[in-house]
Amino acid sequence: MDTEALLAFEMRNRAWFESQIDARDPSFYSLQGVAEHIESYLSDFAMGAWHPFVIEDSSECIVGRANLKCIDLSQRSAQVGYRIDQQACGKGLATLALRHLIEQAKVRWDLNQLIAYVYEENLGSRKVLDRCGFLPDQSGPDDQAGDECRFVLSI
């Protein structure tokens, strides 16, 4: 993974992302911060706790990223997360990314449940979750959710 390319993607979209999801620690926004982030993700992937990937356009510029996180093989569940470049929104990339994650959850990880947390006002992500079959989970309070709505997909 090209550290500079990922940093450029994150910097280019920082304000956009922070309007949709929790802000990253300011120390992330440096070559060292992104290098440590990548190293952590790859280590967690090797341990079976994460499944990250990036999305590039035809000129190999990063326009999105997505992951299965907190993979729990004993519970056969994971959380999903994705972020798409503001300039690439509305082109179906988030839906394609989420469908890829669903496929990986089934085929590679043998999971049967995916969970997503989305702020109520993030209508774009809510539409993506709906398109991919996620349903609002009204099962009760969830300490991890905070101010976010919880959505679940049984696979």
N, C-alpha and C. Protein backbone atom coordinates (compact mmCIF):
# COMPACT_ATOMS: atom_id res chain seq x y z
N MET A 1 0.86 -1.19 0.00
CA MET A 1 0.00 0.00 0.00
C MET A 1 0.88 1.23 0.00
N ASP A 2 0.54 2.17 -0.80
CA ASP A 2 1.28 3.41 -0.89
C ASP A 2 0.81 4.38 0.19
N THR A 3 1.67 4.61 1.15
CA THR A 3 1.35 5.47 2.28
C THR A 3 0.96 6.87 1.82
N GLU A 4 1.72 7.41 0.87
CA GLU A 4 1.44 8.76 0.39
C GLU A 4 0.07 8.84 -0.30
N ALA A 5 -0.29 7.82 -1.06
CA ALA A 5 -1.58 7.81 -1.75
C ALA A 5 -2.74 7.74 -0.75
N LEU A 6 -2.58 6.93 0.28
CA LEU A 6 -3.64 6.84 1.29
C LEU A 6 -3.75 8.13 2.08
N LEU A 7 -2.61 8.72 2.43
CA LEU A 7 -2.64 10.00 3.14
C LEU A 7 -3.32 11.06 2.28
N ALA A 8 -3.01 11.11 1.00
CA ALA A 8 -3.62 12.09 0.10
C ALA A 8 -5.15 11.90 0.06
N PHE A 9 -5.60 10.65 -0.04
CA PHE A 9 -7.03 10.34 -0.03
C PHE A 9 -7.69 10.84 1.26
N GLU A 10 -7.07 10.52 2.38
CA GLU A 10 -7.64 10.90 3.67
C GLU A 10 -7.64 12.42 3.87
N MET A 11 -6.56 13.09 3.46
CA MET A 11 -6.48 14.55 3.60
C MET A 11 -7.50 15.23 2.69
N ARG A 12 -7.60 14.74 1.46
CA ARG A 12 -8.52 15.33 0.48
C ARG A 12 -9.97 15.27 0.98
N ASN A 13 -10.28 14.25 1.74
CA ASN A 13 -11.66 14.01 2.17
C ASN A 13 -11.89 14.21 3.67
N ARG A 14 -10.91 14.74 4.36
CA ARG A 14 -11.00 14.83 5.82
C ARG A 14 -12.27 15.53 6.29
N ALA A 15 -12.52 16.73 5.79
CA ALA A 15 -13.71 17.47 6.24
C ALA A 15 -14.99 16.72 5.89
N TRP A 16 -15.02 16.13 4.71
CA TRP A 16 -16.19 15.35 4.27
C TRP A 16 -16.42 14.17 5.20
N PHE A 17 -15.38 13.40 5.46
CA PHE A 17 -15.52 12.23 6.33
C PHE A 17 -15.95 12.66 7.74
N GLU A 18 -15.33 13.71 8.25
CA GLU A 18 -15.64 14.14 9.62
C GLU A 18 -17.05 14.69 9.74
N SER A 19 -17.68 15.03 8.61
CA SER A 19 -19.09 15.44 8.65
C SER A 19 -20.02 14.23 8.65
N GLN A 20 -19.47 13.05 8.37
CA GLN A 20 -20.28 11.82 8.26
C GLN A 20 -20.00 10.79 9.35
N ILE A 21 -18.76 10.77 9.84
CA ILE A 21 -18.33 9.76 10.81
C ILE A 21 -17.43 10.42 11.85
N ASP A 22 -17.07 9.67 12.88
CA ASP A 22 -16.19 10.22 13.92
C ASP A 22 -14.85 10.61 13.32
N ALA A 23 -14.31 11.72 13.82
CA ALA A 23 -13.01 12.22 13.36
C ALA A 23 -11.88 11.30 13.83
N ARG A 24 -10.87 11.20 12.99
CA ARG A 24 -9.66 10.48 13.37
C ARG A 24 -8.82 11.37 14.27
N ASP A 25 -7.94 10.74 15.03
CA ASP A 25 -6.98 11.48 15.83
C ASP A 25 -6.10 12.31 14.90
N PRO A 26 -5.80 13.56 15.24
CA PRO A 26 -4.97 14.40 14.36
C PRO A 26 -3.62 13.78 14.01
N SER A 27 -3.07 12.94 14.88
CA SER A 27 -1.77 12.31 14.60
C SER A 27 -1.83 11.34 13.41
N PHE A 28 -3.04 10.91 13.05
CA PHE A 28 -3.19 10.03 11.88
C PHE A 28 -2.74 10.73 10.61
N TYR A 29 -2.97 12.03 10.51
CA TYR A 29 -2.76 12.78 9.27
C TYR A 29 -1.30 13.18 9.06
N SER A 30 -0.45 12.16 8.99
CA SER A 30 0.97 12.33 8.68
C SER A 30 1.45 11.04 8.03
N LEU A 31 2.59 11.09 7.37
CA LEU A 31 3.12 9.86 6.75
C LEU A 31 3.33 8.78 7.80
N GLN A 32 3.87 9.16 8.96
CA GLN A 32 4.08 8.18 10.02
C GLN A 32 2.76 7.64 10.54
N GLY A 33 1.77 8.53 10.73
CA GLY A 33 0.47 8.10 11.24
C GLY A 33 -0.22 7.13 10.30
N VAL A 34 -0.18 7.40 9.00
CA VAL A 34 -0.80 6.52 8.02
C VAL A 34 -0.02 5.21 7.90
N ALA A 35 1.32 5.29 7.95
CA ALA A 35 2.14 4.07 7.90
C ALA A 35 1.81 3.16 9.08
N GLU A 36 1.66 3.73 10.26
CA GLU A 36 1.30 2.94 11.44
C GLU A 36 -0.11 2.35 11.29
N HIS A 37 -1.01 3.13 10.72
CA HIS A 37 -2.39 2.69 10.47
C HIS A 37 -2.38 1.47 9.53
N ILE A 38 -1.64 1.57 8.44
CA ILE A 38 -1.55 0.47 7.48
C ILE A 38 -0.94 -0.76 8.13
N GLU A 39 0.14 -0.56 8.87
CA GLU A 39 0.80 -1.68 9.55
C GLU A 39 -0.16 -2.38 10.52
N SER A 40 -0.94 -1.59 11.25
CA SER A 40 -1.92 -2.15 12.19
C SER A 40 -2.99 -2.95 11.46
N TYR A 41 -3.51 -2.39 10.36
CA TYR A 41 -4.54 -3.09 9.59
C TYR A 41 -4.01 -4.40 9.02
N LEU A 42 -2.80 -4.38 8.48
CA LEU A 42 -2.23 -5.60 7.90
C LEU A 42 -1.96 -6.64 8.98
N SER A 43 -1.53 -6.20 10.14
CA SER A 43 -1.31 -7.12 11.26
C SER A 43 -2.64 -7.74 11.70
N ASP A 44 -3.68 -6.90 11.81
CA ASP A 44 -5.00 -7.41 12.20
C ASP A 44 -5.57 -8.34 11.13
N PHE A 45 -5.27 -8.06 9.86
CA PHE A 45 -5.71 -8.95 8.78
C PHE A 45 -5.03 -10.31 8.93
N ALA A 46 -3.73 -10.31 9.20
CA ALA A 46 -2.98 -11.56 9.37
C ALA A 46 -3.51 -12.37 10.55
N MET A 47 -4.02 -11.68 11.58
CA MET A 47 -4.56 -12.36 12.76
C MET A 47 -6.03 -12.76 12.57
N GLY A 48 -6.65 -12.32 11.46
CA GLY A 48 -8.04 -12.67 11.21
C GLY A 48 -9.04 -11.77 11.90
N ALA A 49 -8.61 -10.56 12.31
CA ALA A 49 -9.51 -9.65 13.00
C ALA A 49 -10.08 -8.56 12.09
N TRP A 50 -9.43 -8.32 10.94
CA TRP A 50 -9.86 -7.29 9.99
C TRP A 50 -9.72 -7.82 8.57
N HIS A 51 -10.50 -7.26 7.67
CA HIS A 51 -10.35 -7.54 6.24
C HIS A 51 -10.47 -6.20 5.50
N PRO A 52 -9.34 -5.49 5.34
CA PRO A 52 -9.38 -4.17 4.70
C PRO A 52 -9.08 -4.24 3.20
N PHE A 53 -9.59 -3.25 2.46
CA PHE A 53 -9.17 -3.08 1.07
C PHE A 53 -9.41 -1.64 0.64
N VAL A 54 -8.70 -1.24 -0.42
CA VAL A 54 -8.90 0.09 -0.99
C VAL A 54 -9.51 -0.05 -2.37
N ILE A 55 -10.14 1.03 -2.82
CA ILE A 55 -10.75 1.09 -4.15
C ILE A 55 -9.99 2.15 -4.93
N GLU A 56 -9.53 1.78 -6.11
CA GLU A 56 -8.81 2.71 -6.97
C GLU A 56 -9.59 2.95 -8.25
N ASP A 57 -9.42 4.14 -8.81
CA ASP A 57 -10.04 4.42 -10.10
C ASP A 57 -9.11 3.93 -11.22
N SER A 58 -9.46 4.20 -12.45
CA SER A 58 -8.68 3.68 -13.58
C SER A 58 -7.27 4.25 -13.64
N SER A 59 -7.03 5.38 -12.98
CA SER A 59 -5.67 5.94 -12.95
C SER A 59 -4.94 5.57 -11.65
N GLU A 60 -5.45 4.58 -10.94
CA GLU A 60 -4.86 4.03 -9.72
C GLU A 60 -4.81 5.03 -8.57
N CYS A 61 -5.77 5.95 -8.57
CA CYS A 61 -5.93 6.91 -7.48
C CYS A 61 -6.94 6.31 -6.50
N ILE A 62 -6.64 6.34 -5.21
CA ILE A 62 -7.56 5.79 -4.21
C ILE A 62 -8.81 6.66 -4.15
N VAL A 63 -9.97 6.02 -4.32
CA VAL A 63 -11.26 6.72 -4.27
C VAL A 63 -12.17 6.13 -3.19
N GLY A 64 -11.68 5.16 -2.45
CA GLY A 64 -12.49 4.58 -1.39
C GLY A 64 -11.73 3.51 -0.64
N ARG A 65 -12.29 3.14 0.47
CA ARG A 65 -11.75 2.03 1.25
C ARG A 65 -12.88 1.42 2.05
N ALA A 66 -12.74 0.17 2.36
CA ALA A 66 -13.78 -0.54 3.11
C ALA A 66 -13.14 -1.67 3.89
N ASN A 67 -13.84 -2.14 4.92
CA ASN A 67 -13.29 -3.24 5.69
C ASN A 67 -14.35 -3.97 6.49
N LEU A 68 -14.03 -5.21 6.76
CA LEU A 68 -14.70 -5.96 7.81
C LEU A 68 -13.82 -5.74 9.02
N LYS A 69 -14.42 -5.36 10.14
CA LYS A 69 -13.62 -5.13 11.33
C LYS A 69 -14.23 -5.86 12.51
N CYS A 70 -13.44 -6.04 13.53
CA CYS A 70 -13.88 -6.76 14.72
C CYS A 70 -14.46 -8.12 14.33
N ILE A 71 -13.76 -8.81 13.43
CA ILE A 71 -14.22 -10.14 13.01
C ILE A 71 -14.17 -11.06 14.23
N ASP A 72 -15.29 -11.68 14.52
CA ASP A 72 -15.41 -12.60 15.65
C ASP A 72 -15.83 -13.96 15.08
N LEU A 73 -14.85 -14.83 14.91
CA LEU A 73 -15.14 -16.13 14.31
C LEU A 73 -16.00 -17.01 15.21
N SER A 74 -15.89 -16.84 16.53
CA SER A 74 -16.73 -17.65 17.44
C SER A 74 -18.20 -17.23 17.34
N GLN A 75 -18.46 -15.95 17.17
CA GLN A 75 -19.83 -15.45 17.01
C GLN A 75 -20.24 -15.40 15.54
N ARG A 76 -19.25 -15.61 14.64
CA ARG A 76 -19.45 -15.57 13.19
C ARG A 76 -20.05 -14.24 12.76
N SER A 77 -19.47 -13.15 13.30
CA SER A 77 -19.96 -11.82 12.98
C SER A 77 -18.80 -10.85 12.80
N ALA A 78 -19.10 -9.71 12.20
CA ALA A 78 -18.12 -8.64 12.03
C ALA A 78 -18.88 -7.34 11.81
N GLN A 79 -18.16 -6.25 11.97
CA GLN A 79 -18.69 -4.94 11.63
C GLN A 79 -18.19 -4.56 10.24
N VAL A 80 -18.95 -3.74 9.54
CA VAL A 80 -18.52 -3.24 8.25
C VAL A 80 -18.27 -1.74 8.36
N GLY A 81 -17.35 -1.27 7.55
CA GLY A 81 -17.08 0.15 7.48
C GLY A 81 -16.60 0.49 6.08
N TYR A 82 -16.91 1.69 5.62
CA TYR A 82 -16.46 2.11 4.30
C TYR A 82 -16.44 3.62 4.26
N ARG A 83 -15.60 4.16 3.39
CA ARG A 83 -15.54 5.60 3.14
C ARG A 83 -15.19 5.79 1.68
N ILE A 84 -15.95 6.65 1.04
CA ILE A 84 -15.80 6.91 -0.39
C ILE A 84 -15.44 8.38 -0.60
N ASP A 85 -14.51 8.63 -1.51
CA ASP A 85 -14.11 9.99 -1.87
C ASP A 85 -15.35 10.82 -2.19
N GLN A 86 -15.43 12.03 -1.67
CA GLN A 86 -16.60 12.87 -1.89
C GLN A 86 -16.88 13.06 -3.38
N GLN A 87 -15.82 13.18 -4.19
CA GLN A 87 -16.00 13.39 -5.62
C GLN A 87 -16.49 12.14 -6.35
N ALA A 88 -16.39 10.97 -5.69
CA ALA A 88 -16.81 9.72 -6.30
C ALA A 88 -18.17 9.23 -5.78
N CYS A 89 -18.77 9.99 -4.87
CA CYS A 89 -20.06 9.58 -4.31
C CYS A 89 -21.14 9.61 -5.39
N GLY A 90 -22.13 8.77 -5.22
CA GLY A 90 -23.25 8.73 -6.14
C GLY A 90 -23.01 7.87 -7.37
N LYS A 91 -21.89 7.17 -7.40
CA LYS A 91 -21.56 6.33 -8.56
C LYS A 91 -21.67 4.84 -8.25
N GLY A 92 -22.18 4.51 -7.06
CA GLY A 92 -22.37 3.11 -6.71
C GLY A 92 -21.17 2.43 -6.07
N LEU A 93 -20.10 3.17 -5.79
CA LEU A 93 -18.90 2.54 -5.23
C LEU A 93 -19.13 1.98 -3.83
N ALA A 94 -19.87 2.71 -2.99
CA ALA A 94 -20.13 2.20 -1.64
C ALA A 94 -20.94 0.92 -1.68
N THR A 95 -21.91 0.87 -2.57
CA THR A 95 -22.72 -0.35 -2.71
C THR A 95 -21.86 -1.51 -3.20
N LEU A 96 -21.02 -1.26 -4.20
CA LEU A 96 -20.12 -2.32 -4.69
C LEU A 96 -19.16 -2.78 -3.59
N ALA A 97 -18.62 -1.82 -2.84
CA ALA A 97 -17.70 -2.16 -1.76
C ALA A 97 -18.40 -3.01 -0.71
N LEU A 98 -19.61 -2.61 -0.32
CA LEU A 98 -20.34 -3.36 0.71
C LEU A 98 -20.72 -4.75 0.20
N ARG A 99 -21.11 -4.86 -1.06
CA ARG A 99 -21.41 -6.18 -1.61
C ARG A 99 -20.16 -7.06 -1.63
N HIS A 100 -19.01 -6.46 -1.91
CA HIS A 100 -17.75 -7.22 -1.86
C HIS A 100 -17.48 -7.70 -0.42
N LEU A 101 -17.71 -6.83 0.55
CA LEU A 101 -17.51 -7.23 1.95
C LEU A 101 -18.45 -8.36 2.34
N ILE A 102 -19.69 -8.29 1.90
CA ILE A 102 -20.66 -9.35 2.20
C ILE A 102 -20.18 -10.67 1.62
N GLU A 103 -19.71 -10.63 0.38
CA GLU A 103 -19.19 -11.85 -0.27
C GLU A 103 -17.98 -12.40 0.48
N GLN A 104 -17.05 -11.52 0.87
CA GLN A 104 -15.88 -11.97 1.63
C GLN A 104 -16.28 -12.53 2.98
N ALA A 105 -17.28 -11.91 3.61
CA ALA A 105 -17.76 -12.41 4.91
C ALA A 105 -18.27 -13.83 4.78
N LYS A 106 -18.97 -14.11 3.68
CA LYS A 106 -19.52 -15.46 3.45
C LYS A 106 -18.42 -16.44 3.06
N VAL A 107 -17.71 -16.10 2.01
CA VAL A 107 -16.79 -17.06 1.38
C VAL A 107 -15.49 -17.23 2.15
N ARG A 108 -14.86 -16.13 2.51
CA ARG A 108 -13.55 -16.21 3.14
C ARG A 108 -13.64 -16.46 4.65
N TRP A 109 -14.59 -15.80 5.31
CA TRP A 109 -14.64 -15.82 6.77
C TRP A 109 -15.77 -16.68 7.35
N ASP A 110 -16.69 -17.17 6.53
CA ASP A 110 -17.81 -18.00 6.99
C ASP A 110 -18.61 -17.33 8.10
N LEU A 111 -18.90 -16.04 7.91
CA LEU A 111 -19.68 -15.29 8.89
C LEU A 111 -21.16 -15.39 8.55
N ASN A 112 -22.00 -15.16 9.55
CA ASN A 112 -23.44 -15.18 9.29
C ASN A 112 -24.15 -13.90 9.71
N GLN A 113 -23.38 -12.92 10.21
CA GLN A 113 -23.99 -11.66 10.59
C GLN A 113 -22.99 -10.51 10.40
N LEU A 114 -23.48 -9.43 9.80
CA LEU A 114 -22.69 -8.21 9.68
C LEU A 114 -23.44 -7.07 10.35
N ILE A 115 -22.68 -6.19 10.96
CA ILE A 115 -23.24 -5.07 11.71
C ILE A 115 -22.65 -3.77 11.17
N ALA A 116 -23.48 -2.76 11.05
CA ALA A 116 -23.02 -1.44 10.62
C ALA A 116 -23.59 -0.40 11.58
N TYR A 117 -22.77 0.61 11.87
CA TYR A 117 -23.20 1.74 12.69
C TYR A 117 -23.15 2.99 11.82
N VAL A 118 -24.27 3.73 11.78
CA VAL A 118 -24.37 4.90 10.93
C VAL A 118 -25.12 5.99 11.69
N TYR A 119 -24.61 7.22 11.56
CA TYR A 119 -25.34 8.35 12.14
C TYR A 119 -26.67 8.51 11.41
N GLU A 120 -27.69 8.86 12.15
CA GLU A 120 -29.03 8.98 11.58
C GLU A 120 -29.08 9.94 10.39
N GLU A 121 -28.31 11.01 10.45
CA GLU A 121 -28.33 12.01 9.38
C GLU A 121 -27.51 11.60 8.15
N ASN A 122 -26.80 10.49 8.22
CA ASN A 122 -25.99 10.03 7.08
C ASN A 122 -26.88 9.21 6.14
N LEU A 123 -27.70 9.93 5.39
CA LEU A 123 -28.70 9.29 4.53
C LEU A 123 -28.07 8.46 3.42
N GLY A 124 -26.93 8.90 2.90
CA GLY A 124 -26.26 8.14 1.84
C GLY A 124 -25.88 6.74 2.31
N SER A 125 -25.25 6.65 3.47
CA SER A 125 -24.87 5.33 3.98
C SER A 125 -26.08 4.50 4.35
N ARG A 126 -27.11 5.14 4.85
CA ARG A 126 -28.33 4.40 5.19
C ARG A 126 -28.94 3.79 3.93
N LYS A 127 -28.91 4.51 2.81
CA LYS A 127 -29.42 3.98 1.55
C LYS A 127 -28.57 2.81 1.07
N VAL A 128 -27.27 2.91 1.21
CA VAL A 128 -26.38 1.81 0.81
C VAL A 128 -26.69 0.57 1.63
N LEU A 129 -26.83 0.73 2.94
CA LEU A 129 -27.15 -0.41 3.81
C LEU A 129 -28.48 -1.04 3.42
N ASP A 130 -29.48 -0.21 3.15
CA ASP A 130 -30.79 -0.70 2.74
C ASP A 130 -30.68 -1.49 1.43
N ARG A 131 -29.95 -0.93 0.46
CA ARG A 131 -29.77 -1.57 -0.85
C ARG A 131 -29.13 -2.95 -0.70
N CYS A 132 -28.29 -3.10 0.31
CA CYS A 132 -27.57 -4.37 0.50
C CYS A 132 -28.25 -5.30 1.48
N GLY A 133 -29.46 -4.95 1.93
CA GLY A 133 -30.24 -5.86 2.76
C GLY A 133 -30.09 -5.70 4.26
N PHE A 134 -29.36 -4.70 4.72
CA PHE A 134 -29.24 -4.47 6.16
C PHE A 134 -30.55 -3.92 6.69
N LEU A 135 -30.89 -4.31 7.91
CA LEU A 135 -32.13 -3.86 8.54
C LEU A 135 -31.80 -3.12 9.83
N PRO A 136 -32.57 -2.09 10.17
CA PRO A 136 -32.36 -1.41 11.46
C PRO A 136 -32.54 -2.42 12.59
N ASP A 137 -31.67 -2.34 13.58
CA ASP A 137 -31.74 -3.25 14.72
C ASP A 137 -32.31 -2.49 15.91
N GLN A 138 -33.47 -2.86 16.32
CA GLN A 138 -34.15 -2.20 17.44
C GLN A 138 -34.10 -3.08 18.69
N SER A 139 -33.11 -3.98 18.76
CA SER A 139 -33.09 -4.97 19.84
C SER A 139 -32.76 -4.40 21.20
N GLY A 140 -32.40 -3.15 21.28
CA GLY A 140 -32.11 -2.57 22.59
C GLY A 140 -30.82 -1.78 22.54
N PRO A 141 -30.44 -1.20 23.68
CA PRO A 141 -29.25 -0.37 23.72
C PRO A 141 -27.99 -1.16 23.39
N ASP A 142 -27.08 -0.48 22.76
CA ASP A 142 -25.80 -1.09 22.38
C ASP A 142 -24.71 -0.09 22.78
N ASP A 143 -23.87 -0.48 23.72
CA ASP A 143 -22.84 0.43 24.21
C ASP A 143 -21.91 0.91 23.11
N GLN A 144 -21.73 0.10 22.05
CA GLN A 144 -20.83 0.49 20.97
C GLN A 144 -21.45 1.53 20.06
N ALA A 145 -22.75 1.62 20.02
CA ALA A 145 -23.41 2.47 19.04
C ALA A 145 -23.25 3.96 19.32
N GLY A 146 -23.23 4.37 20.59
CA GLY A 146 -23.16 5.79 20.89
C GLY A 146 -24.35 6.50 20.28
N ASP A 147 -24.09 7.53 19.46
CA ASP A 147 -25.17 8.28 18.81
C ASP A 147 -25.54 7.68 17.45
N GLU A 148 -25.02 6.55 17.14
CA GLU A 148 -25.25 5.95 15.82
C GLU A 148 -26.40 4.95 15.86
N CYS A 149 -26.98 4.72 14.69
CA CYS A 149 -28.01 3.69 14.53
C CYS A 149 -27.31 2.39 14.14
N ARG A 150 -27.83 1.29 14.65
CA ARG A 150 -27.24 -0.03 14.38
C ARG A 150 -28.08 -0.74 13.32
N PHE A 151 -27.39 -1.29 12.32
CA PHE A 151 -28.03 -2.05 11.27
C PHE A 151 -27.39 -3.43 11.21
N VAL A 152 -28.21 -4.45 10.89
CA VAL A 152 -27.73 -5.82 10.89
C VAL A 152 -28.14 -6.51 9.59
N LEU A 153 -27.23 -7.33 9.10
CA LEU A 153 -27.51 -8.19 7.95
C LEU A 153 -27.24 -9.62 8.36
N SER A 154 -28.25 -10.47 8.24
CA SER A 154 -28.05 -11.91 8.44
C SER A 154 -27.71 -12.51 7.10
N ILE A 155 -26.60 -13.26 7.08
CA ILE A 155 -26.17 -13.87 5.81
C ILE A 155 -26.04 -15.37 5.95
